[in-house]
Amino acid sequence: MSELSIFVEKSGEWGKYHLITLVLHVQSDSVAEHIDKYERHLADSGLPDIPFHVSNFGYSDFMVEKGL
């Protein structure tokens, strides 16, 4: 039996627009080749391979904003 993984990432300001990224893959299929291609593209473009977050993220921030 195969196991499917789903990763969800939301990006955007607290305003009107957001970007939602979904990554779905079968656990038995390696994603290493795709990650290697991504990292090579970053290096070839002279870009750093670091995560970037401009604000705290998490459900508690949402709850505070909504007064819940």
PDB file of N, CA and C in Angstrom:
ATOM      1  N   MET A   1       0.839  -1.180   0.000  1.00  0.00           N
ATOM      2  CA  MET A   1       0.000   0.000   0.000  1.00  0.00           C
ATOM      3  C   MET A   1       0.883   1.242   0.000  1.00  0.00           C
ATOM      4  N   SER A   2       0.591   2.200  -0.859  1.00  0.00           N
ATOM      5  CA  SER A   2       1.348   3.443  -0.949  1.00  0.00           C
ATOM      6  C   SER A   2       0.807   4.460   0.039  1.00  0.00           C
ATOM      7  N   GLU A   3       1.694   5.342   0.461  1.00  0.00           N
ATOM      8  CA  GLU A   3       1.295   6.418   1.366  1.00  0.00           C
ATOM      9  C   GLU A   3       1.504   7.749   0.660  1.00  0.00           C
ATOM     10  N   LEU A   4       0.463   8.548   0.590  1.00  0.00           N
ATOM     11  CA  LEU A   4       0.511   9.850  -0.057  1.00  0.00           C
ATOM     12  C   LEU A   4       0.720  10.932   0.997  1.00  0.00           C
ATOM     13  N   SER A   5       1.701  11.808   0.748  1.00  0.00           N
ATOM     14  CA  SER A   5       1.942  12.942   1.644  1.00  0.00           C
ATOM     15  C   SER A   5       1.453  14.213   0.980  1.00  0.00           C
ATOM     16  N   ILE A   6       0.915  15.100   1.778  1.00  0.00           N
ATOM     17  CA  ILE A   6       0.461  16.399   1.289  1.00  0.00           C
ATOM     18  C   ILE A   6       1.061  17.475   2.190  1.00  0.00           C
ATOM     19  N   PHE A   7       1.797  18.398   1.588  1.00  0.00           N
ATOM     20  CA  PHE A   7       2.369  19.525   2.307  1.00  0.00           C
ATOM     21  C   PHE A   7       1.686  20.787   1.801  1.00  0.00           C
ATOM     22  N   VAL A   8       1.300  21.661   2.706  1.00  0.00           N
ATOM     23  CA  VAL A   8       0.596  22.893   2.345  1.00  0.00           C
ATOM     24  C   VAL A   8       1.374  24.077   2.910  1.00  0.00           C
ATOM     25  N   GLU A   9       1.588  25.086   2.076  1.00  0.00           N
ATOM     26  CA  GLU A   9       2.279  26.305   2.508  1.00  0.00           C
ATOM     27  C   GLU A   9       1.491  27.503   2.007  1.00  0.00           C
ATOM     28  N   LYS A  10       1.219  28.451   2.888  1.00  0.00           N
ATOM     29  CA  LYS A  10       0.519  29.682   2.524  1.00  0.00           C
ATOM     30  C   LYS A  10       1.495  30.847   2.627  1.00  0.00           C
ATOM     31  N   SER A  11       1.513  31.683   1.614  1.00  0.00           N
ATOM     32  CA  SER A  11       2.351  32.873   1.616  1.00  0.00           C
ATOM     33  C   SER A  11       1.482  34.079   1.310  1.00  0.00           C
ATOM     34  N   GLY A  12       1.873  35.207   1.829  1.00  0.00           N
ATOM     35  CA  GLY A  12       1.144  36.435   1.525  1.00  0.00           C
ATOM     36  C   GLY A  12       1.020  37.316   2.738  1.00  0.00           C
ATOM     37  N   GLU A  13       0.554  38.519   2.481  1.00  0.00           N
ATOM     38  CA  GLU A  13       0.349  39.474   3.555  1.00  0.00           C
ATOM     39  C   GLU A  13      -0.982  39.191   4.234  1.00  0.00           C
ATOM     40  N   TRP A  14      -1.295  39.984   5.224  1.00  0.00           N
ATOM     41  CA  TRP A  14      -2.588  39.853   5.894  1.00  0.00           C
ATOM     42  C   TRP A  14      -3.675  40.527   5.067  1.00  0.00           C
ATOM     43  N   GLY A  15      -3.344  40.888   3.854  1.00  0.00           N
ATOM     44  CA  GLY A  15      -4.294  41.572   2.990  1.00  0.00           C
ATOM     45  C   GLY A  15      -5.132  40.620   2.160  1.00  0.00           C
ATOM     46  N   LYS A  16      -5.434  41.055   0.981  1.00  0.00           N
ATOM     47  CA  LYS A  16      -6.411  40.417   0.115  1.00  0.00           C
ATOM     48  C   LYS A  16      -5.873  39.201  -0.649  1.00  0.00           C
ATOM     49  N   TYR A  17      -4.580  39.151  -0.939  1.00  0.00           N
ATOM     50  CA  TYR A  17      -4.030  38.107  -1.795  1.00  0.00           C
ATOM     51  C   TYR A  17      -3.106  37.163  -1.035  1.00  0.00           C
ATOM     52  N   HIS A  18      -3.182  35.899  -1.383  1.00  0.00           N
ATOM     53  CA  HIS A  18      -2.332  34.870  -0.781  1.00  0.00           C
ATOM     54  C   HIS A  18      -1.942  33.874  -1.860  1.00  0.00           C
ATOM     55  N   LEU A  19      -0.827  33.214  -1.663  1.00  0.00           N
ATOM     56  CA  LEU A  19      -0.376  32.137  -2.539  1.00  0.00           C
ATOM     57  C   LEU A  19      -0.392  30.861  -1.719  1.00  0.00           C
ATOM     58  N   ILE A  20      -1.042  29.847  -2.224  1.00  0.00           N
ATOM     59  CA  ILE A  20      -1.075  28.559  -1.536  1.00  0.00           C
ATOM     60  C   ILE A  20      -0.355  27.545  -2.411  1.00  0.00           C
ATOM     61  N   THR A  21       0.621  26.861  -1.835  1.00  0.00           N
ATOM     62  CA  THR A  21       1.378  25.842  -2.544  1.00  0.00           C
ATOM     63  C   THR A  21       1.042  24.487  -1.957  1.00  0.00           C
ATOM     64  N   LEU A  22       0.730  23.541  -2.819  1.00  0.00           N
ATOM     65  CA  LEU A  22       0.462  22.168  -2.404  1.00  0.00           C
ATOM     66  C   LEU A  22       1.512  21.265  -3.026  1.00  0.00           C
ATOM     67  N   VAL A  23       2.133  20.429  -2.219  1.00  0.00           N
ATOM     68  CA  VAL A  23       3.067  19.424  -2.716  1.00  0.00           C
ATOM     69  C   VAL A  23       2.503  18.074  -2.322  1.00  0.00           C
ATOM     70  N   LEU A  24       2.203  17.267  -3.322  1.00  0.00           N
ATOM     71  CA  LEU A  24       1.673  15.927  -3.086  1.00  0.00           C
ATOM     72  C   LEU A  24       2.663  14.926  -3.664  1.00  0.00           C
ATOM     73  N   HIS A  25       3.012  13.913  -2.883  1.00  0.00           N
ATOM     74  CA  HIS A  25       3.877  12.880  -3.439  1.00  0.00           C
ATOM     75  C   HIS A  25       3.704  11.579  -2.685  1.00  0.00           C
ATOM     76  N   VAL A  26       3.963  10.515  -3.413  1.00  0.00           N
ATOM     77  CA  VAL A  26       3.917   9.175  -2.836  1.00  0.00           C
ATOM     78  C   VAL A  26       5.227   8.965  -2.084  1.00  0.00           C
ATOM     79  N   GLN A  27       5.152   8.569  -0.821  1.00  0.00           N
ATOM     80  CA  GLN A  27       6.328   8.446   0.032  1.00  0.00           C
ATOM     81  C   GLN A  27       7.393   7.516  -0.543  1.00  0.00           C
ATOM     82  N   SER A  28       6.990   6.494  -1.266  1.00  0.00           N
ATOM     83  CA  SER A  28       7.968   5.540  -1.801  1.00  0.00           C
ATOM     84  C   SER A  28       8.723   6.099  -3.009  1.00  0.00           C
ATOM     85  N   ASP A  29       8.262   7.212  -3.590  1.00  0.00           N
ATOM     86  CA  ASP A  29       8.941   7.854  -4.718  1.00  0.00           C
ATOM     87  C   ASP A  29       9.829   8.978  -4.191  1.00  0.00           C
ATOM     88  N   SER A  30      11.107   8.906  -4.497  1.00  0.00           N
ATOM     89  CA  SER A  30      12.051   9.911  -4.016  1.00  0.00           C
ATOM     90  C   SER A  30      11.828  11.263  -4.698  1.00  0.00           C
ATOM     91  N   VAL A  31      11.945  12.328  -3.923  1.00  0.00           N
ATOM     92  CA  VAL A  31      11.873  13.684  -4.471  1.00  0.00           C
ATOM     93  C   VAL A  31      13.268  14.310  -4.543  1.00  0.00           C
ATOM     94  N   ALA A  32      14.304  13.517  -4.241  1.00  0.00           N
ATOM     95  CA  ALA A  32      15.677  14.020  -4.187  1.00  0.00           C
ATOM     96  C   ALA A  32      16.114  14.655  -5.504  1.00  0.00           C
ATOM     97  N   GLU A  33      15.770  14.037  -6.633  1.00  0.00           N
ATOM     98  CA  GLU A  33      16.166  14.582  -7.937  1.00  0.00           C
ATOM     99  C   GLU A  33      15.574  15.972  -8.145  1.00  0.00           C
ATOM    100  N   HIS A  34      14.334  16.171  -7.757  1.00  0.00           N
ATOM    101  CA  HIS A  34      13.679  17.467  -7.923  1.00  0.00           C
ATOM    102  C   HIS A  34      14.291  18.521  -7.000  1.00  0.00           C
ATOM    103  N   ILE A  35      14.625  18.124  -5.794  1.00  0.00           N
ATOM    104  CA  ILE A  35      15.269  19.050  -4.855  1.00  0.00           C
ATOM    105  C   ILE A  35      16.648  19.434  -5.365  1.00  0.00           C
ATOM    106  N   ASP A  36      17.395  18.453  -5.890  1.00  0.00           N
ATOM    107  CA  ASP A  36      18.720  18.733  -6.452  1.00  0.00           C
ATOM    108  C   ASP A  36      18.628  19.739  -7.602  1.00  0.00           C
ATOM    109  N   LYS A  37      17.649  19.576  -8.488  1.00  0.00           N
ATOM    110  CA  LYS A  37      17.469  20.505  -9.608  1.00  0.00           C
ATOM    111  C   LYS A  37      17.149  21.912  -9.097  1.00  0.00           C
ATOM    112  N   TYR A  38      16.303  21.995  -8.089  1.00  0.00           N
ATOM    113  CA  TYR A  38      15.948  23.290  -7.493  1.00  0.00           C
ATOM    114  C   TYR A  38      17.185  23.961  -6.887  1.00  0.00           C
ATOM    115  N   GLU A  39      17.970  23.199  -6.129  1.00  0.00           N
ATOM    116  CA  GLU A  39      19.165  23.761  -5.495  1.00  0.00           C
ATOM    117  C   GLU A  39      20.202  24.177  -6.533  1.00  0.00           C
ATOM    118  N   ARG A  40      20.342  23.406  -7.623  1.00  0.00           N
ATOM    119  CA  ARG A  40      21.263  23.782  -8.705  1.00  0.00           C
ATOM    120  C   ARG A  40      20.810  25.085  -9.359  1.00  0.00           C
ATOM    121  N   HIS A  41      19.502  25.225  -9.566  1.00  0.00           N
ATOM    122  CA  HIS A  41      18.970  26.449 -10.173  1.00  0.00           C
ATOM    123  C   HIS A  41      19.255  27.662  -9.280  1.00  0.00           C
ATOM    124  N   LEU A  42      19.076  27.504  -7.978  1.00  0.00           N
ATOM    125  CA  LEU A  42      19.398  28.597  -7.059  1.00  0.00           C
ATOM    126  C   LEU A  42      20.870  28.972  -7.168  1.00  0.00           C
ATOM    127  N   ALA A  43      21.745  27.960  -7.128  1.00  0.00           N
ATOM    128  CA  ALA A  43      23.187  28.208  -7.193  1.00  0.00           C
ATOM    129  C   ALA A  43      23.570  28.864  -8.520  1.00  0.00           C
ATOM    130  N   ASP A  44      23.035  28.361  -9.628  1.00  0.00           N
ATOM    131  CA  ASP A  44      23.334  28.931 -10.947  1.00  0.00           C
ATOM    132  C   ASP A  44      22.854  30.374 -11.060  1.00  0.00           C
ATOM    133  N   SER A  45      21.820  30.720 -10.325  1.00  0.00           N
ATOM    134  CA  SER A  45      21.264  32.076 -10.347  1.00  0.00           C
ATOM    135  C   SER A  45      21.910  32.985  -9.310  1.00  0.00           C
ATOM    136  N   GLY A  46      22.822  32.422  -8.506  1.00  0.00           N
ATOM    137  CA  GLY A  46      23.481  33.210  -7.474  1.00  0.00           C
ATOM    138  C   GLY A  46      22.584  33.526  -6.292  1.00  0.00           C
ATOM    139  N   LEU A  47      21.560  32.703  -6.081  1.00  0.00           N
ATOM    140  CA  LEU A  47      20.619  32.931  -4.983  1.00  0.00           C
ATOM    141  C   LEU A  47      20.938  32.020  -3.803  1.00  0.00           C
ATOM    142  N   PRO A  48      20.743  32.503  -2.577  1.00  0.00           N
ATOM    143  CA  PRO A  48      20.997  31.661  -1.400  1.00  0.00           C
ATOM    144  C   PRO A  48      19.895  30.615  -1.222  1.00  0.00           C
ATOM    145  N   ASP A  49      20.256  29.513  -0.627  1.00  0.00           N
ATOM    146  CA  ASP A  49      19.289  28.439  -0.345  1.00  0.00           C
ATOM    147  C   ASP A  49      18.904  28.518   1.129  1.00  0.00           C
ATOM    148  N   ILE A  50      18.105  29.540   1.457  1.00  0.00           N
ATOM    149  CA  ILE A  50      17.675  29.734   2.843  1.00  0.00           C
ATOM    150  C   ILE A  50      16.168  29.964   2.876  1.00  0.00           C
ATOM    151  N   PRO A  51      15.506  29.539   3.936  1.00  0.00           N
ATOM    152  CA  PRO A  51      14.080  29.849   4.065  1.00  0.00           C
ATOM    153  C   PRO A  51      13.911  31.335   4.376  1.00  0.00           C
ATOM    154  N   PHE A  52      12.804  31.896   3.956  1.00  0.00           N
ATOM    155  CA  PHE A  52      12.562  33.320   4.147  1.00  0.00           C
ATOM    156  C   PHE A  52      11.163  33.518   4.709  1.00  0.00           C
ATOM    157  N   HIS A  53      11.077  34.101   5.891  1.00  0.00           N
ATOM    158  CA  HIS A  53       9.794  34.421   6.510  1.00  0.00           C
ATOM    159  C   HIS A  53       9.853  35.875   6.950  1.00  0.00           C
ATOM    160  N   VAL A  54       8.847  36.659   6.577  1.00  0.00           N
ATOM    161  CA  VAL A  54       8.855  38.078   6.917  1.00  0.00           C
ATOM    162  C   VAL A  54       8.068  38.394   8.176  1.00  0.00           C
ATOM    163  N   SER A  55       7.367  37.426   8.700  1.00  0.00           N
ATOM    164  CA  SER A  55       6.627  37.648   9.937  1.00  0.00           C
ATOM    165  C   SER A  55       6.454  36.320  10.652  1.00  0.00           C
ATOM    166  N   ASN A  56       6.019  36.405  11.885  1.00  0.00           N
ATOM    167  CA  ASN A  56       5.708  35.169  12.601  1.00  0.00           C
ATOM    168  C   ASN A  56       4.600  34.443  11.867  1.00  0.00           C
ATOM    169  N   PHE A  57       4.635  33.145  11.922  1.00  0.00           N
ATOM    170  CA  PHE A  57       3.582  32.395  11.270  1.00  0.00           C
ATOM    171  C   PHE A  57       3.007  31.416  12.274  1.00  0.00           C
ATOM    172  N   GLY A  58       1.760  31.151  12.129  1.00  0.00           N
ATOM    173  CA  GLY A  58       1.131  30.207  13.033  1.00  0.00           C
ATOM    174  C   GLY A  58      -0.316  30.542  13.302  1.00  0.00           C
ATOM    175  N   TYR A  59      -0.982  29.592  13.797  1.00  0.00           N
ATOM    176  CA  TYR A  59      -2.411  29.709  14.048  1.00  0.00           C
ATOM    177  C   TYR A  59      -2.709  30.713  15.156  1.00  0.00           C
ATOM    178  N   SER A  60      -1.827  30.836  16.145  1.00  0.00           N
ATOM    179  CA  SER A  60      -2.088  31.750  17.261  1.00  0.00           C
ATOM    180  C   SER A  60      -2.183  33.199  16.785  1.00  0.00           C
ATOM    181  N   ASP A  61      -1.376  33.582  15.788  1.00  0.00           N
ATOM    182  CA  ASP A  61      -1.464  34.938  15.236  1.00  0.00           C
ATOM    183  C   ASP A  61      -2.838  35.184  14.623  1.00  0.00           C
ATOM    184  N   PHE A  62      -3.349  34.196  13.923  1.00  0.00           N
ATOM    185  CA  PHE A  62      -4.677  34.300  13.311  1.00  0.00           C
ATOM    186  C   PHE A  62      -5.737  34.472  14.389  1.00  0.00           C
ATOM    187  N   MET A  63      -5.632  33.694  15.450  1.00  0.00           N
ATOM    188  CA  MET A  63      -6.626  33.756  16.518  1.00  0.00           C
ATOM    189  C   MET A  63      -6.618  35.128  17.191  1.00  0.00           C
ATOM    190  N   VAL A  64      -5.443  35.688  17.436  1.00  0.00           N
ATOM    191  CA  VAL A  64      -5.340  37.007  18.062  1.00  0.00           C
ATOM    192  C   VAL A  64      -5.946  38.064  17.145  1.00  0.00           C
ATOM    193  N   GLU A  65      -5.613  37.995  15.853  1.00  0.00           N
ATOM    194  CA  GLU A  65      -6.130  38.975  14.899  1.00  0.00           C
ATOM    195  C   GLU A  65      -7.658  38.948  14.850  1.00  0.00           C
ATOM    196  N   LYS A  66      -8.240  37.781  14.933  1.00  0.00           N
ATOM    197  CA  LYS A  66      -9.696  37.647  14.859  1.00  0.00           C
ATOM    198  C   LYS A  66     -10.367  37.854  16.217  1.00  0.00           C
ATOM    199  N   GLY A  67      -9.565  38.059  17.266  1.00  0.00           N
ATOM    200  CA  GLY A  67     -10.119  38.268  18.595  1.00  0.00           C
ATOM    201  C   GLY A  67     -10.720  37.016  19.203  1.00  0.00           C
ATOM    202  N   LEU A  68     -10.194  35.871  18.813  1.00  0.00           N
ATOM    203  CA  LEU A  68     -10.720  34.593  19.317  1.00  0.00           C
ATOM    204  C   LEU A  68      -9.864  34.037  20.438  1.00  0.00           C
TER     205      LEU A  68
END
